[in-house]
N, C-alpha and C. Protein backbone atom coordinates (compact mmCIF):
# COMPACT_ATOMS: atom_id res chain seq x y z
N MET A 1 6.36 -15.03 2.78
CA MET A 1 6.73 -13.69 3.22
C MET A 1 6.26 -12.57 2.54
N ARG A 2 5.86 -12.08 2.86
CA ARG A 2 4.92 -10.87 1.76
C ARG A 2 6.19 -10.00 1.86
N ALA A 3 7.03 -9.29 1.27
CA ALA A 3 7.86 -8.07 1.14
C ALA A 3 7.16 -6.65 1.78
N ARG A 4 8.67 -6.64 2.65
CA ARG A 4 7.77 -5.25 3.42
C ARG A 4 8.37 -4.04 3.01
N LEU A 5 8.38 -2.64 3.30
CA LEU A 5 8.98 -1.39 3.31
C LEU A 5 8.92 -1.52 4.25
N THR A 6 10.30 -1.34 4.59
CA THR A 6 10.87 -1.31 5.98
C THR A 6 12.52 0.58 6.03
N ALA A 7 12.06 0.54 6.70
CA ALA A 7 13.63 2.04 6.99
C ALA A 7 14.34 1.36 7.85
N ALA A 8 15.79 1.47 6.87
CA ALA A 8 17.47 0.94 7.82
C ALA A 8 17.38 1.24 9.09
N ARG A 9 17.68 0.90 9.38
CA ARG A 9 18.50 1.05 10.80
C ARG A 9 19.41 2.16 10.56
N PRO A 10 18.91 3.06 12.49
CA PRO A 10 20.10 4.27 12.03
C PRO A 10 21.12 3.66 12.48
N LEU A 11 22.30 4.28 11.55
CA LEU A 11 23.47 4.03 11.15
C LEU A 11 24.32 5.22 12.43
N ARG A 12 25.34 5.00 13.46
CA ARG A 12 26.12 5.49 13.80
C ARG A 12 27.55 5.86 13.08
N THR A 13 27.84 7.87 13.36
CA THR A 13 28.21 8.04 12.52
C THR A 13 29.85 8.33 12.76
N THR A 14 30.47 8.19 12.44
CA THR A 14 32.33 8.89 12.59
C THR A 14 33.19 9.03 11.32
N THR A 15 33.83 10.25 11.74
CA THR A 15 34.41 10.97 11.34
C THR A 15 34.98 9.73 9.27
N ALA A 16 35.43 8.68 10.19
CA ALA A 16 36.17 7.58 9.52
C ALA A 16 35.37 6.93 8.52
N GLY A 17 34.08 6.16 9.72
CA GLY A 17 32.87 5.63 8.39
C GLY A 17 32.52 7.23 7.50
N LEU A 18 32.20 7.52 7.97
CA LEU A 18 31.78 9.38 6.12
C LEU A 18 33.08 9.03 4.75
N LEU A 19 34.22 8.73 5.95
CA LEU A 19 35.07 8.86 4.84
C LEU A 19 34.82 7.47 3.87
N VAL A 20 34.91 6.99 5.07
CA VAL A 20 34.10 4.95 4.19
C VAL A 20 33.27 4.52 2.76
N LEU A 21 32.64 5.68 3.90
CA LEU A 21 31.14 5.47 2.78
C LEU A 21 31.34 5.89 1.51
N GLY A 22 31.24 7.21 1.98
CA GLY A 22 32.37 9.16 0.33
C GLY A 22 33.23 7.56 -0.79
N VAL A 23 34.21 7.49 0.48
CA VAL A 23 34.94 6.68 -0.65
C VAL A 23 34.25 5.00 -1.43
N ALA A 24 33.62 4.34 -1.40
CA ALA A 24 32.92 4.19 -1.28
C ALA A 24 31.20 4.44 -1.84
N GLY A 25 31.34 5.54 -1.89
CA GLY A 25 29.42 5.64 -2.97
C GLY A 25 30.27 6.32 -4.66
N GLY A 26 30.75 7.34 -4.42
CA GLY A 26 32.59 7.49 -5.07
C GLY A 26 32.45 6.32 -6.07
N LEU A 27 33.09 5.22 -5.63
CA LEU A 27 33.34 4.03 -6.54
C LEU A 27 32.32 3.53 -6.90
N LEU A 28 31.23 3.91 -6.36
CA LEU A 28 30.00 2.37 -7.07
C LEU A 28 28.88 3.45 -7.16
N SER A 29 28.78 4.44 -7.61
CA SER A 29 28.15 5.36 -8.58
C SER A 29 26.90 5.34 -9.83
N GLY A 30 27.81 5.14 -9.52
CA GLY A 30 27.24 4.46 -11.58
C GLY A 30 26.65 2.76 -11.07
N CYS A 31 26.42 1.56 -10.61
CA CYS A 31 26.07 1.30 -9.68
C CYS A 31 24.48 1.56 -9.36
N SER A 32 24.03 0.94 -9.15
CA SER A 32 22.69 0.17 -8.73
C SER A 32 22.36 -0.50 -8.09
N SER A 33 22.14 -0.25 -6.65
CA SER A 33 21.92 -1.56 -5.76
C SER A 33 20.52 -2.03 -6.25
N LEU A 34 20.20 -3.19 -5.52
CA LEU A 34 20.15 -4.70 -6.10
C LEU A 34 18.66 -4.59 -5.20
N VAL A 35 17.04 -4.81 -5.34
CA VAL A 35 15.78 -4.16 -3.95
C VAL A 35 16.04 -5.88 -3.93
N GLU A 36 15.75 -6.41 -2.85
CA GLU A 36 15.72 -7.92 -2.18
C GLU A 36 14.15 -7.82 -2.13
N VAL A 37 13.69 -8.76 -2.68
CA VAL A 37 12.53 -9.43 -2.55
C VAL A 37 12.19 -10.83 -2.60
N SER A 38 11.28 -10.86 -1.63
CA SER A 38 10.31 -12.75 -1.42
C SER A 38 8.96 -12.55 -1.97
N PRO A 39 9.32 -12.83 -3.51
CA PRO A 39 8.11 -12.98 -3.95
C PRO A 39 6.97 -14.45 -3.84
N PRO A 40 6.44 -14.25 -3.95
CA PRO A 40 5.12 -15.79 -3.91
C PRO A 40 6.36 -17.43 -4.86
N GLN A 41 5.60 -18.13 -4.91
CA GLN A 41 6.26 -18.85 -5.87
C GLN A 41 6.02 -19.10 -6.92
N HIS A 42 6.65 -18.74 -7.97
CA HIS A 42 5.88 -18.07 -8.94
C HIS A 42 4.53 -18.80 -9.96
N ALA A 43 3.67 -18.13 -10.55
CA ALA A 43 2.48 -18.92 -11.21
C ALA A 43 2.61 -18.64 -13.35
N VAL A 44 2.87 -19.90 -13.28
CA VAL A 44 2.72 -19.49 -14.81
C VAL A 44 1.27 -18.55 -15.34
N GLU A 45 0.48 -18.42 -14.64
CA GLU A 45 -0.58 -17.74 -14.62
C GLU A 45 -0.27 -16.12 -14.35
N CYS A 46 0.85 -15.48 -13.70
CA CYS A 46 1.88 -14.24 -14.21
C CYS A 46 2.22 -13.89 -14.89
N GLU A 47 2.84 -15.26 -16.11
CA GLU A 47 3.44 -14.02 -16.79
C GLU A 47 3.56 -14.13 -18.35
N PRO A 48 1.57 -13.54 -18.12
CA PRO A 48 1.13 -12.32 -19.27
C PRO A 48 0.58 -11.23 -18.27
N ALA A 49 0.98 -10.90 -17.45
CA ALA A 49 1.01 -9.79 -16.43
C ALA A 49 3.33 -9.40 -16.34
N THR A 50 3.22 -9.97 -15.91
CA THR A 50 4.33 -10.07 -15.22
C THR A 50 5.56 -9.38 -17.00
N ALA A 51 5.11 -9.45 -17.77
CA ALA A 51 4.96 -9.34 -19.79
C ALA A 51 5.02 -7.97 -19.32
N ARG A 52 4.08 -7.17 -18.91
CA ARG A 52 3.96 -6.09 -18.85
C ARG A 52 3.95 -5.12 -18.18
N TRP A 53 4.98 -5.43 -17.23
CA TRP A 53 5.49 -4.68 -16.33
C TRP A 53 5.41 -3.10 -16.81
N PRO A 54 4.83 -2.00 -16.27
CA PRO A 54 6.12 -0.50 -16.67
C PRO A 54 6.69 -1.07 -17.32
N ALA A 55 7.68 -0.21 -18.11
CA ALA A 55 8.83 0.42 -18.13
C ALA A 55 9.78 1.81 -17.02
N LYS A 56 8.17 2.83 -16.49
CA LYS A 56 9.22 3.36 -15.94
C LYS A 56 7.85 3.66 -15.08
N VAL A 57 7.97 4.10 -13.75
CA VAL A 57 6.40 4.61 -12.66
C VAL A 57 6.95 5.58 -11.96
N SER A 58 5.82 6.69 -11.72
CA SER A 58 5.82 8.00 -11.01
C SER A 58 7.95 8.74 -12.15
N GLY A 59 7.80 7.95 -13.63
CA GLY A 59 9.32 8.76 -13.99
C GLY A 59 10.28 7.73 -13.86
N GLN A 60 10.07 7.19 -13.07
CA GLN A 60 11.64 6.32 -12.02
C GLN A 60 11.53 5.04 -13.07
N ALA A 61 12.40 4.76 -13.10
CA ALA A 61 13.61 4.01 -13.59
C ALA A 61 13.08 2.05 -12.82
N SER A 62 13.80 0.99 -13.91
CA SER A 62 13.17 0.20 -13.52
C SER A 62 14.51 0.05 -12.70
N ARG A 63 14.71 -1.13 -11.12
CA ARG A 63 16.18 -1.79 -10.98
C ARG A 63 15.76 -3.04 -10.89
N GLY A 64 16.93 -3.07 -10.92
CA GLY A 64 17.45 -4.86 -10.13
C GLY A 64 16.60 -4.95 -9.41
N VAL A 65 16.31 -6.55 -9.51
CA VAL A 65 15.88 -7.61 -8.21
C VAL A 65 16.22 -8.32 -7.92
N ASP A 66 16.80 -8.81 -6.39
CA ASP A 66 17.10 -9.77 -6.16
C ASP A 66 16.10 -10.73 -5.33
N VAL A 67 15.82 -11.85 -6.23
CA VAL A 67 14.37 -12.93 -6.10
C VAL A 67 14.83 -13.93 -4.74
N ASN A 68 14.57 -13.51 -3.19
CA ASN A 68 15.20 -15.03 -2.37
C ASN A 68 14.04 -15.69 -2.56
N GLY A 69 14.42 -16.78 -3.13
CA GLY A 69 12.82 -18.38 -2.79
C GLY A 69 12.30 -18.23 -4.28
N GLY A 70 12.64 -17.27 -5.55
CA GLY A 70 11.13 -16.48 -6.38
C GLY A 70 11.85 -16.85 -7.49
N VAL A 71 10.99 -16.34 -9.44
CA VAL A 71 11.31 -16.20 -10.64
C VAL A 71 11.40 -14.71 -10.09
N ALA A 72 13.42 -14.36 -11.00
CA ALA A 72 12.97 -12.24 -10.34
C ALA A 72 12.16 -12.16 -11.60
N SER A 73 11.09 -12.49 -13.12
CA SER A 73 10.41 -12.16 -13.53
C SER A 73 9.06 -11.79 -12.87
N ASP A 74 8.61 -12.82 -11.87
CA ASP A 74 7.09 -12.17 -10.86
C ASP A 74 7.20 -11.12 -9.54
N ALA A 75 8.71 -10.59 -9.81
CA ALA A 75 8.70 -9.85 -9.47
C ALA A 75 9.58 -7.97 -9.92
N HIS A 76 9.29 -6.46 -8.93
CA HIS A 76 10.25 -5.41 -10.11
C HIS A 76 9.94 -4.88 -9.38
N ALA A 77 10.84 -3.75 -9.76
CA ALA A 77 11.00 -2.80 -8.66
C ALA A 77 11.77 -1.36 -9.61
N TRP A 78 10.76 -0.42 -9.15
CA TRP A 78 11.23 1.07 -10.09
C TRP A 78 11.63 1.59 -8.84
N GLY A 79 13.04 2.68 -9.00
CA GLY A 79 13.22 4.02 -8.19
C GLY A 79 13.59 3.32 -6.44
N ASP A 80 14.46 5.02 -6.29
CA ASP A 80 14.77 5.30 -4.95
C ASP A 80 14.30 6.23 -4.14
N PRO A 81 13.60 5.68 -3.21
CA PRO A 81 13.75 4.08 -2.47
C PRO A 81 12.62 2.98 -3.63
N ALA A 82 12.17 2.26 -3.40
CA ALA A 82 12.03 1.47 -4.80
C ALA A 82 10.27 1.23 -4.11
N ILE A 83 9.80 0.97 -5.40
CA ILE A 83 8.29 0.35 -5.39
C ILE A 83 8.51 -0.87 -6.23
N ILE A 84 7.82 -1.65 -5.72
CA ILE A 84 8.03 -3.40 -5.64
C ILE A 84 6.27 -3.72 -5.78
N ALA A 85 7.01 -3.94 -6.96
CA ALA A 85 5.63 -5.33 -7.69
C ALA A 85 6.42 -6.50 -7.54
N THR A 86 4.81 -7.41 -7.03
CA THR A 86 4.80 -8.89 -7.43
C THR A 86 4.12 -9.48 -7.65
N CYS A 87 3.40 -10.61 -8.74
CA CYS A 87 2.86 -11.78 -8.66
C CYS A 87 2.72 -12.61 -8.36
N GLY A 88 1.37 -13.51 -8.38
CA GLY A 88 1.20 -15.07 -7.66
C GLY A 88 0.68 -14.87 -6.55
N TRP A 89 0.52 -13.43 -5.54
CA TRP A 89 -0.20 -13.71 -4.27
C TRP A 89 -1.27 -14.72 -4.69
N PRO A 90 -2.49 -15.67 -3.68
CA PRO A 90 -3.76 -16.03 -3.30
C PRO A 90 -4.34 -14.79 -4.01
N ALA A 91 -5.61 -15.19 -4.41
CA ALA A 91 -6.81 -14.01 -5.00
C ALA A 91 -7.29 -14.08 -3.56
N LEU A 92 -7.90 -12.54 -3.30
CA LEU A 92 -7.67 -12.64 -1.88
C LEU A 92 -9.84 -12.25 -1.63
N GLY A 93 -9.79 -12.94 -0.52
CA GLY A 93 -11.19 -13.67 -0.39
C GLY A 93 -12.05 -11.85 -0.31
N PRO A 94 -13.54 -11.66 -0.09
CA PRO A 94 -14.24 -10.08 0.36
C PRO A 94 -13.44 -9.81 1.90
N THR A 95 -13.69 -8.58 1.48
CA THR A 95 -12.56 -7.90 2.60
C THR A 95 -13.88 -6.56 2.74
N ASP A 96 -13.29 -6.21 3.60
CA ASP A 96 -14.23 -4.17 4.79
C ASP A 96 -12.73 -3.31 4.41
N LYS A 97 -11.51 -3.83 3.62
CA LYS A 97 -10.75 -2.76 3.39
C LYS A 97 -10.99 -1.93 2.18
N GLU A 98 -10.28 -0.99 2.51
CA GLU A 98 -11.02 -0.29 0.93
C GLU A 98 -10.34 -0.45 -0.07
N CYS A 99 -11.06 -0.52 -1.22
CA CYS A 99 -10.90 -0.62 -2.60
C CYS A 99 -11.70 -0.02 -3.55
N LEU A 100 -10.46 1.07 -4.18
CA LEU A 100 -10.39 0.60 -5.58
C LEU A 100 -10.24 1.04 -6.81
N ASP A 101 -11.14 1.47 -7.58
CA ASP A 101 -11.52 1.03 -9.31
C ASP A 101 -10.50 1.67 -9.63
N VAL A 102 -9.63 2.02 -10.40
CA VAL A 102 -8.99 2.20 -10.61
C VAL A 102 -8.49 1.99 -12.32
N ASP A 103 -9.51 2.31 -12.90
CA ASP A 103 -9.02 2.71 -14.91
C ASP A 103 -9.76 0.83 -15.18
N GLY A 104 -10.80 0.30 -14.26
CA GLY A 104 -11.43 -1.09 -14.29
C GLY A 104 -10.54 -2.14 -13.77
N VAL A 105 -10.04 -1.41 -12.87
CA VAL A 105 -8.74 -2.35 -12.40
C VAL A 105 -9.00 -1.93 -10.68
N ASP A 106 -9.29 -3.42 -9.74
CA ASP A 106 -9.77 -3.12 -8.44
C ASP A 106 -8.30 -3.70 -6.98
N TRP A 107 -8.33 -2.80 -6.47
CA TRP A 107 -7.38 -2.54 -6.01
C TRP A 107 -7.76 -2.22 -4.13
N VAL A 108 -7.35 -3.50 -3.23
CA VAL A 108 -7.38 -2.87 -2.30
C VAL A 108 -6.03 -2.74 -1.08
N VAL A 109 -6.45 -1.76 -0.49
CA VAL A 109 -5.50 -0.50 -0.33
C VAL A 109 -4.64 -0.70 1.39
N GLU A 110 -4.10 -1.19 1.39
CA GLU A 110 -3.59 -1.31 3.24
C GLU A 110 -2.82 0.08 3.70
N GLN A 111 -2.90 0.72 4.72
CA GLN A 111 -1.98 1.51 4.71
C GLN A 111 -0.09 0.85 5.57
N LEU A 112 0.14 0.97 5.04
CA LEU A 112 1.72 0.62 6.30
C LEU A 112 2.47 2.00 6.68
N SER A 113 3.01 1.75 8.05
CA SER A 113 4.25 2.88 8.63
C SER A 113 4.99 3.46 7.52
N ASP A 114 5.45 3.05 6.82
CA ASP A 114 6.27 3.39 5.72
C ASP A 114 5.79 3.68 4.26
N GLY A 115 4.74 3.36 3.99
CA GLY A 115 4.17 3.54 2.58
C GLY A 115 2.75 2.78 2.79
N ALA A 116 2.14 2.49 1.36
CA ALA A 116 1.11 1.50 1.52
C ALA A 116 1.10 0.17 0.36
N ARG A 117 0.29 -0.41 0.54
CA ARG A 117 0.31 -2.43 0.06
C ARG A 117 -1.51 -1.90 -1.05
N PHE A 118 -1.19 -2.26 -2.51
CA PHE A 118 -2.24 -1.94 -2.97
C PHE A 118 -1.95 -3.79 -3.34
N THR A 119 -3.64 -4.49 -3.58
CA THR A 119 -3.66 -6.10 -3.50
C THR A 119 -4.55 -5.81 -4.55
N THR A 120 -3.83 -6.18 -5.79
CA THR A 120 -5.41 -6.62 -7.33
C THR A 120 -6.63 -6.99 -6.51
N TYR A 121 -7.98 -6.87 -6.48
CA TYR A 121 -9.71 -7.57 -5.38
C TYR A 121 -9.78 -8.24 -7.48
N GLY A 122 -10.13 -9.73 -7.52
CA GLY A 122 -10.50 -10.02 -8.19
C GLY A 122 -10.06 -10.45 -9.48
N ARG A 123 -8.62 -10.81 -9.01
CA ARG A 123 -8.13 -10.99 -10.32
C ARG A 123 -6.82 -12.38 -9.43
N GLU A 124 -6.53 -13.41 -10.02
CA GLU A 124 -6.46 -14.84 -9.74
C GLU A 124 -5.19 -14.51 -10.91
N PRO A 125 -4.34 -15.18 -10.15
CA PRO A 125 -3.14 -14.70 -8.90
C PRO A 125 -3.46 -13.33 -8.48
N ALA A 126 -2.47 -12.67 -8.20
CA ALA A 126 -2.94 -11.17 -7.55
C ALA A 126 -1.51 -10.69 -7.52
N ILE A 127 -1.86 -9.63 -7.76
CA ILE A 127 -0.33 -8.36 -7.95
C ILE A 127 -0.24 -7.66 -6.45
N GLU A 128 0.55 -7.59 -5.87
CA GLU A 128 0.40 -6.78 -5.00
C GLU A 128 2.25 -5.17 -5.50
N VAL A 129 1.37 -4.75 -5.06
CA VAL A 129 2.28 -3.16 -5.37
C VAL A 129 2.57 -3.01 -3.84
N LEU A 130 4.46 -2.73 -3.52
CA LEU A 130 4.85 -2.23 -2.67
C LEU A 130 5.26 -0.14 -2.41
N VAL A 131 4.31 0.48 -2.14
CA VAL A 131 4.35 1.78 -2.16
C VAL A 131 5.12 2.97 -1.00
N PRO A 132 6.32 3.41 -1.24
CA PRO A 132 6.63 4.47 -0.27
C PRO A 132 6.05 5.42 0.01
N HIS A 133 6.39 5.93 1.18
CA HIS A 133 5.28 7.17 0.99
C HIS A 133 5.95 8.01 0.67
N ALA A 134 7.36 8.65 -0.25
CA ALA A 134 7.84 9.44 -0.66
C ALA A 134 7.42 9.65 -2.25
N TYR A 135 6.77 8.46 -2.36
CA TYR A 135 5.52 9.18 -3.75
C TYR A 135 4.40 9.56 -3.80
N ALA A 136 3.51 9.88 -2.20
CA ALA A 136 2.57 10.13 -2.06
C ALA A 136 1.96 10.70 -2.91
N PRO A 137 0.74 11.19 -3.00
CA PRO A 137 -0.39 10.45 -3.09
C PRO A 137 0.12 8.99 -4.18
N GLU A 138 -0.03 7.66 -3.08
CA GLU A 138 0.51 6.74 -3.43
C GLU A 138 -0.73 6.27 -5.14
N PRO A 139 -1.46 6.00 -4.41
CA PRO A 139 -2.85 5.78 -5.52
C PRO A 139 -2.90 6.17 -6.72
N LEU A 140 -1.80 7.11 -7.17
CA LEU A 140 -1.72 8.22 -8.56
C LEU A 140 -0.83 6.84 -9.13
N LEU A 141 -0.37 5.94 -8.78
CA LEU A 141 0.44 5.35 -9.22
C LEU A 141 -0.45 4.02 -9.19
N LEU A 142 -1.23 3.84 -9.12
CA LEU A 142 -1.78 2.94 -9.62
C LEU A 142 -1.70 2.09 -11.32
N PRO A 143 -2.44 3.77 -11.54
CA PRO A 143 -2.21 3.43 -13.49
C PRO A 143 -1.54 2.55 -13.67
N ALA A 144 -0.18 3.19 -13.56
CA ALA A 144 0.80 2.34 -14.47
C ALA A 144 0.70 0.71 -14.12
N PHE A 145 0.03 0.18 -13.70
CA PHE A 145 -0.07 -1.41 -13.05
C PHE A 145 -0.94 -1.73 -13.74
N GLY A 146 -2.37 -0.54 -14.33
CA GLY A 146 -3.14 -1.66 -14.86
C GLY A 146 -3.39 -1.98 -16.53
N GLU A 147 -2.27 -1.96 -16.99
CA GLU A 147 -2.11 -3.10 -18.23
C GLU A 147 -1.42 -4.90 -17.67
N ALA A 148 -0.45 -5.00 -16.56
CA ALA A 148 -0.09 -5.85 -16.01
C ALA A 148 -1.20 -6.71 -15.43
N ALA A 149 -2.01 -5.96 -14.42
CA ALA A 149 -3.11 -6.25 -13.50
C ALA A 149 -4.55 -7.14 -14.56
N GLY A 150 -4.35 -6.05 -15.59
CA GLY A 150 -5.50 -6.53 -15.76
C GLY A 150 -5.43 -7.94 -16.58
N ALA A 151 -4.14 -8.64 -17.66
CA ALA A 151 -3.39 -9.47 -18.47
C ALA A 151 -4.31 -10.72 -17.35
N LEU A 152 -4.74 -10.56 -16.13
CA LEU A 152 -4.44 -11.82 -15.26
C LEU A 152 -5.98 -11.67 -15.47
N PRO A 153 -6.47 -12.79 -14.88
CA PRO A 153 -7.70 -14.03 -15.39
C PRO A 153 -8.30 -13.50 -13.88
N SER A 154 -9.87 -12.72 -14.53
CA SER A 154 -10.72 -12.57 -13.74
C SER A 154 -11.28 -13.50 -12.27
N ASN A 155 -11.55 -13.50 -11.78
CA ASN A 155 -12.68 -13.49 -10.81
C ASN A 155 -14.23 -13.66 -10.66
N GLY A 156 -14.79 -13.02 -11.18
CA GLY A 156 -15.75 -11.63 -10.85
C GLY A 156 -15.82 -11.31 -10.18
N ARG A 157 -14.62 -10.82 -8.72
CA ARG A 157 -15.25 -9.86 -7.16
C ARG A 157 -15.13 -8.93 -7.87
N LYS A 158 -15.37 -7.96 -7.31
CA LYS A 158 -14.95 -6.49 -7.46
C LYS A 158 -15.60 -5.10 -6.28
N CYS A 159 -14.94 -4.28 -6.00
CA CYS A 159 -14.88 -3.62 -5.27
C CYS A 159 -16.11 -2.91 -5.18
N ASP A 160 -17.38 -2.81 -4.06
CA ASP A 160 -18.74 -2.12 -3.61
C ASP A 160 -18.49 -1.26 -3.82
């Protein structure tokens, strides 16, 4: 199952609820919440790429990741809302979706309701990067992932 960007359900607010949230927020202000992700099965081939995850993306610091069924190093997150990168996806086959060459790394673009999904093209395994609309224009974040993506083996496919 791929990680998806989703908006939180609207909360019904009351005065008591706001007070509780305010107190909890004050107590937890020094803590950063974990981003929950479900990366694909760990792929040894991802290790050179995940060792090159960027320290910051678009000025956003790295966040903790709660991995459900995977290896923490295969997933990483930055900022709030979270920019999420995962490695270990099957390589994409031929596609008619939009494909971008960013600094020598090809990315297939898929627009989502709340952001965009970028998947490396011509790399095996693939990296998937989920970027919320808050960071628009989303493709401008891709150079941060070039070193990691470039560490993955090429399968010869390129954007047309």
